Amino acid sequence: MNDIKQTVRRYIVEHLSSADEAKGIADDTDLKESGILESLSTLKLVSFLEKTFNIEIQADDIDAGDLSSLARIETLVKARTNMKL
């Protein structure tokens, strides 16, 4: 599997953030506090994760913190893909 954080970072840079915001995305950058994620972009990100990694994410399955940074997103994706094995 490709590097999860790099795949998600690329998607955020290309689809959800401005060039200035994208420059500072580290693995632990808080995506909501930095203004990258808001309601609509969060839904788009969840849809991307589901399609790209062949996982299902239900709103009542996750905590808001699960999508707060690239590192937390990677943990979520790994947990969901391991559940399918």
Protein backbone atom coordinates (compact mmCIF):
# COMPACT_ATOMS: atom_id res chain seq x y z
CA MET A 1 0.00 0.00 0.00
CA ASN A 2 1.29 3.47 -0.84
CA ASP A 3 2.25 5.68 2.03
CA ILE A 4 -1.10 6.69 3.49
CA LYS A 5 0.01 10.07 4.78
CA GLN A 6 1.58 11.00 1.46
CA THR A 7 -1.54 9.95 -0.48
CA VAL A 8 -3.81 11.96 1.82
CA ARG A 9 -1.43 14.95 1.84
CA ARG A 10 -1.44 14.97 -1.98
CA TYR A 11 -5.26 14.89 -2.04
CA ILE A 12 -5.50 17.75 0.46
CA VAL A 13 -2.99 19.85 -1.47
CA GLU A 14 -4.69 19.22 -4.82
CA HIS A 15 -8.34 19.43 -3.73
CA LEU A 16 -8.89 21.00 -0.33
CA SER A 17 -6.34 23.69 0.40
CA SER A 18 -4.80 26.79 -1.04
CA ALA A 19 -1.15 26.75 -2.01
CA ASP A 20 -0.22 28.73 1.11
CA GLU A 21 -2.02 26.33 3.44
CA ALA A 22 -0.49 23.31 1.73
CA LYS A 23 3.08 24.45 2.37
CA GLY A 24 2.74 23.92 6.10
CA ILE A 25 1.04 20.54 6.27
CA ALA A 26 3.12 18.37 8.58
CA ASP A 27 2.04 14.97 9.85
CA ASP A 28 0.78 16.55 13.08
CA THR A 29 -0.75 19.75 11.64
CA ASP A 30 -4.25 20.21 13.02
CA LEU A 31 -6.27 20.28 9.82
CA LYS A 32 -9.30 22.00 11.36
CA GLU A 33 -7.44 24.64 13.35
CA SER A 34 -5.30 25.45 10.33
CA GLY A 35 -8.46 26.08 8.28
CA ILE A 36 -7.89 23.25 5.83
CA LEU A 37 -10.86 21.15 6.96
CA GLU A 38 -14.35 22.49 7.49
CA SER A 39 -17.71 20.75 7.11
CA LEU A 40 -17.80 20.26 3.34
CA SER A 41 -14.11 19.50 2.95
CA THR A 42 -14.35 16.93 5.76
CA LEU A 43 -17.11 15.12 3.86
CA LYS A 44 -15.01 15.21 0.70
CA LEU A 45 -12.02 13.83 2.60
CA VAL A 46 -14.07 10.98 4.09
CA SER A 47 -15.39 10.09 0.63
CA PHE A 48 -11.84 10.11 -0.73
CA LEU A 49 -10.61 7.87 2.09
CA GLU A 50 -13.44 5.40 1.56
CA LYS A 51 -12.83 5.14 -2.18
CA THR A 52 -9.05 5.20 -2.13
CA PHE A 53 -8.52 2.72 0.69
CA ASN A 54 -11.68 0.65 0.20
CA ILE A 55 -12.94 1.30 3.72
CA GLU A 56 -16.22 2.41 5.22
CA ILE A 57 -16.44 5.29 7.68
CA GLN A 58 -19.69 5.94 9.51
CA ALA A 59 -20.18 9.22 11.39
CA ASP A 60 -20.96 7.41 14.63
CA ASP A 61 -17.90 5.16 14.20
CA ILE A 62 -15.27 7.86 14.53
CA ASP A 63 -14.25 10.63 16.83
CA ALA A 64 -13.66 14.10 15.39
CA GLY A 65 -10.03 13.71 16.38
CA ASP A 66 -9.61 10.79 13.99
CA LEU A 67 -9.47 13.27 11.10
CA SER A 68 -7.53 15.98 12.90
CA SER A 69 -4.12 15.33 11.32
CA LEU A 70 -2.39 13.21 8.71
CA ALA A 71 -0.98 10.99 11.46
CA ARG A 72 -4.44 10.39 12.96
CA ILE A 73 -5.93 9.75 9.51
CA GLU A 74 -3.21 7.18 8.85
CA THR A 75 -4.05 5.42 12.13
CA LEU A 76 -7.74 5.36 11.20
CA VAL A 77 -7.09 3.96 7.72
CA LYS A 78 -4.70 1.30 9.03
CA ALA A 79 -7.25 0.24 11.65
CA ARG A 80 -10.03 0.00 9.05
CA THR A 81 -7.96 -1.91 6.53
CA ASN A 82 -6.74 -4.36 9.18
CA MET A 83 -10.35 -5.03 10.19
CA LYS A 84 -10.96 -6.42 6.68
CA LEU A 85 -8.18 -9.03 6.86
